[in-house]
């Protein structure tokens, strides 16, 4: 954790939205957390994700103990942002609502060295339920709720945003080429030679 205030820019490479939470701060009954991104944080997230503006970003989260020394974070983020349409290159605004569900557990201890004896019994393998993702590591006993919100927003974004109603129309091969086009000028110059 750094001593920078949230949204102050912080050191290079720092998360644009940071709200650290120590696992020890979470009482047995759980903890409700509301995150509202500042203008500077929203600007940094928009720049990081390469869209014109993040107009609003809030998240309502619930942190609770999970399997003893782990944490479970659930909730929802809501955002309003301005994106640029990949077809028309016009800016448009959209609303995003994305559920958040994530589990954290302390990193596992280093495995014990295996016995070199040939008659040694194999160590039992802990079965993992395939439908569940493994928990993320709980490094230093803390999670950064702001980073979680920022990452879930990034994952919710369409990498090729389209303005509502915008459709790609493939030009017909018979359509005349624009003489102002650099390719048309090159073609014309080649044909003259």
Protein backbone atom coordinates (compact mmCIF):
# COMPACT_ATOMS: atom_id res chain seq x y z
CA UNK A 1 0.00 0.00 0.00
CA UNK A 2 1.21 3.52 -0.65
CA UNK A 3 0.65 6.75 1.20
CA UNK A 4 -0.92 8.47 -1.81
CA UNK A 5 -4.52 9.55 -1.47
CA UNK A 6 -6.94 7.79 -3.82
CA UNK A 7 -7.07 9.50 -7.17
CA UNK A 8 -3.93 11.55 -6.61
CA UNK A 9 -2.19 9.82 -9.46
CA UNK A 10 0.26 8.05 -7.16
CA UNK A 11 3.47 6.52 -8.42
CA UNK A 12 3.86 5.36 -12.00
CA UNK A 13 2.10 2.05 -12.59
CA UNK A 14 -0.22 2.49 -9.61
CA UNK A 15 -3.85 1.44 -9.96
CA UNK A 16 -6.10 4.31 -11.11
CA UNK A 17 -8.67 3.37 -8.43
CA UNK A 18 -7.44 2.08 -5.09
CA UNK A 19 -9.40 1.17 -1.96
CA UNK A 20 -7.29 -1.30 0.05
CA UNK A 21 -9.03 -3.51 2.61
CA UNK A 22 -7.22 -5.65 5.16
CA UNK A 23 -8.87 -9.01 5.82
CA UNK A 24 -8.58 -8.29 9.56
CA UNK A 25 -10.89 -5.26 9.09
CA UNK A 26 -13.76 -7.50 8.03
CA UNK A 27 -15.93 -8.51 11.02
CA UNK A 28 -17.47 -12.00 11.23
CA UNK A 29 -20.85 -10.64 10.06
CA UNK A 30 -19.27 -9.05 6.93
CA UNK A 31 -18.67 -5.50 5.79
CA UNK A 32 -20.60 -3.35 3.28
CA UNK A 33 -18.46 -0.97 1.22
CA UNK A 34 -19.60 1.79 -1.15
CA UNK A 35 -17.06 3.04 -3.70
CA UNK A 36 -17.57 6.29 -5.60
CA UNK A 37 -14.74 7.15 -8.01
CA UNK A 38 -13.47 10.73 -7.98
CA UNK A 39 -13.12 12.75 -11.18
CA UNK A 40 -9.34 12.16 -11.24
CA UNK A 41 -9.86 8.40 -10.78
CA UNK A 42 -12.48 8.32 -13.54
CA UNK A 43 -10.16 10.24 -15.89
CA UNK A 44 -7.30 7.80 -15.16
CA UNK A 45 -9.54 4.76 -15.81
CA UNK A 46 -10.81 6.27 -19.08
CA UNK A 47 -7.24 6.95 -20.21
CA UNK A 48 -6.13 3.43 -19.22
CA UNK A 49 -9.00 1.89 -21.22
CA UNK A 50 -8.69 4.32 -24.14
CA UNK A 51 -12.20 5.77 -24.20
CA UNK A 52 -13.13 9.48 -24.14
CA UNK A 53 -14.72 9.78 -20.69
CA UNK A 54 -15.94 7.92 -17.63
CA UNK A 55 -18.79 10.10 -16.38
CA UNK A 56 -19.73 8.09 -13.27
CA UNK A 57 -18.49 4.97 -11.48
CA UNK A 58 -19.92 3.53 -8.27
CA UNK A 59 -19.84 0.09 -6.70
CA UNK A 60 -21.74 -1.45 -3.83
CA UNK A 61 -19.74 -4.33 -2.39
CA UNK A 62 -20.00 -6.82 0.46
CA UNK A 63 -16.83 -8.36 1.89
CA UNK A 64 -17.13 -11.36 4.17
CA UNK A 65 -14.90 -14.05 5.57
CA UNK A 66 -14.52 -17.13 3.42
CA UNK A 67 -13.16 -20.46 4.64
CA UNK A 68 -11.51 -19.04 7.71
CA UNK A 69 -8.70 -16.75 6.56
CA UNK A 70 -10.01 -15.96 3.06
CA UNK A 71 -12.36 -13.27 1.78
CA UNK A 72 -15.33 -13.24 -0.56
CA UNK A 73 -16.25 -9.99 -2.32
CA UNK A 74 -19.65 -9.69 -4.02
CA UNK A 75 -21.67 -6.80 -5.34
CA UNK A 76 -22.22 -4.70 -8.43
CA UNK A 77 -20.59 -1.81 -10.24
CA UNK A 78 -22.49 0.82 -12.19
CA UNK A 79 -20.88 3.17 -14.66
CA UNK A 80 -21.79 5.74 -17.29
CA UNK A 81 -19.16 6.27 -19.95
CA UNK A 82 -18.56 7.82 -23.33
CA UNK A 83 -17.11 5.59 -26.04
CA UNK A 84 -16.25 6.09 -29.69
CA UNK A 85 -18.15 4.01 -32.26
CA UNK A 86 -15.81 1.88 -34.38
CA UNK A 87 -18.05 2.37 -37.43
CA UNK A 88 -19.05 6.02 -37.36
CA UNK A 89 -16.24 7.38 -35.13
CA UNK A 90 -18.94 9.32 -33.24
CA UNK A 91 -18.94 9.45 -29.44
CA UNK A 92 -21.92 8.00 -27.61
CA UNK A 93 -22.81 7.31 -23.97
CA UNK A 94 -23.65 3.94 -22.44
CA UNK A 95 -24.54 2.60 -19.02
CA UNK A 96 -22.77 -0.45 -17.64
CA UNK A 97 -23.96 -2.65 -14.76
CA UNK A 98 -21.70 -5.57 -13.92
CA UNK A 99 -21.96 -8.08 -11.08
CA UNK A 100 -18.83 -8.74 -9.03
CA UNK A 101 -18.04 -12.03 -7.35
CA UNK A 102 -14.51 -12.92 -6.33
CA UNK A 103 -12.84 -15.05 -3.65
CA UNK A 104 -9.42 -14.63 -2.09
CA UNK A 105 -7.32 -17.05 -0.06
CA UNK A 106 -3.82 -16.82 1.39
CA UNK A 107 -1.19 -18.32 -0.93
CA UNK A 108 -0.56 -21.99 -0.23
CA UNK A 109 2.56 -22.91 1.67
CA UNK A 110 5.48 -24.33 -0.28
CA UNK A 111 4.98 -28.03 -0.94
CA UNK A 112 6.88 -30.47 1.22
CA UNK A 113 9.65 -32.38 -0.53
CA UNK A 114 8.50 -35.78 -1.70
CA UNK A 115 10.02 -38.89 -0.23
CA UNK A 116 12.51 -40.57 -2.51
CA UNK A 117 11.60 -44.01 -1.21
CA UNK A 118 10.00 -46.18 -3.86
CA UNK A 119 7.59 -47.79 -1.42
CA UNK A 120 6.31 -44.46 -0.08
CA UNK A 121 2.58 -43.87 -0.38
CA UNK A 122 1.63 -41.13 -2.86
CA UNK A 123 0.36 -37.97 -1.23
CA UNK A 124 -3.41 -37.48 -1.56
CA UNK A 125 -4.43 -34.86 -4.10
CA UNK A 126 -7.05 -32.38 -2.99
CA UNK A 127 -9.98 -32.55 -5.42
CA UNK A 128 -11.02 -29.20 -6.86
CA UNK A 129 -14.55 -28.59 -8.04
CA UNK A 130 -14.15 -27.83 -11.73
CA UNK A 131 -17.11 -25.46 -11.88
CA UNK A 132 -15.55 -23.07 -9.36
CA UNK A 133 -12.62 -20.83 -10.22
CA UNK A 134 -9.76 -21.12 -7.75
CA UNK A 135 -9.53 -18.17 -5.37
CA UNK A 136 -7.20 -15.30 -6.12
CA UNK A 137 -4.23 -14.92 -3.76
CA UNK A 138 -4.70 -12.79 -0.67
CA UNK A 139 -1.30 -11.08 -0.68
CA UNK A 140 -0.23 -9.48 2.59
CA UNK A 141 -3.66 -10.17 4.06
CA UNK A 142 -5.28 -7.45 1.93
CA UNK A 143 -7.34 -6.90 -1.22
CA UNK A 144 -7.75 -3.71 -3.22
CA UNK A 145 -11.47 -3.22 -3.78
CA UNK A 146 -10.84 -0.28 -6.12
CA UNK A 147 -8.64 -2.42 -8.38
CA UNK A 148 -11.33 -5.11 -8.43
CA UNK A 149 -13.95 -2.58 -9.55
CA UNK A 150 -11.64 -1.13 -12.21
CA UNK A 151 -10.77 -4.59 -13.57
CA UNK A 152 -14.41 -5.73 -13.69
CA UNK A 153 -15.32 -2.53 -15.57
CA UNK A 154 -12.54 -3.16 -18.10
CA UNK A 155 -13.72 -6.75 -18.62
CA UNK A 156 -17.33 -5.57 -19.13
CA UNK A 157 -16.43 -3.19 -21.98
CA UNK A 158 -17.01 -4.10 -25.61
CA UNK A 159 -13.61 -3.90 -27.33
CA UNK A 160 -15.39 -2.80 -30.54
CA UNK A 161 -18.13 -0.45 -29.35
CA UNK A 162 -20.92 0.44 -31.74
CA UNK A 163 -23.29 3.34 -31.39
CA UNK A 164 -26.88 2.06 -31.15
CA UNK A 165 -28.28 1.77 -34.67
CA UNK A 166 -24.88 1.97 -36.40
CA UNK A 167 -24.40 -0.76 -38.98
CA UNK A 168 -21.54 -1.62 -41.27
CA UNK A 169 -22.47 -1.29 -44.92
CA UNK A 170 -20.02 -2.98 -47.24
CA UNK A 171 -19.38 -0.82 -50.30
CA UNK A 172 -20.50 -2.37 -53.56
CA UNK A 173 -17.74 -3.22 -56.05
CA UNK A 174 -19.49 -1.07 -58.68
CA UNK A 175 -19.43 2.03 -56.48
CA UNK A 176 -17.17 4.74 -57.93
CA UNK A 177 -14.00 5.34 -55.96
CA UNK A 178 -13.47 8.69 -54.31
CA UNK A 179 -10.95 10.57 -56.47
CA UNK A 180 -9.71 12.34 -53.34
CA UNK A 181 -8.71 9.00 -51.85
CA UNK A 182 -4.92 8.49 -51.78
CA UNK A 183 -5.39 5.01 -53.21
CA UNK A 184 -7.49 6.34 -56.08
CA UNK A 185 -4.80 8.95 -56.85
CA UNK A 186 -2.10 6.25 -56.84
CA UNK A 187 -4.21 4.06 -59.13
CA UNK A 188 -4.77 6.99 -61.50
CA UNK A 189 -1.05 7.86 -61.49
CA UNK A 190 -0.16 4.23 -62.22
CA UNK A 191 -2.68 4.04 -65.07
CA UNK A 192 -1.24 7.22 -66.66
CA UNK A 193 2.29 5.81 -66.65
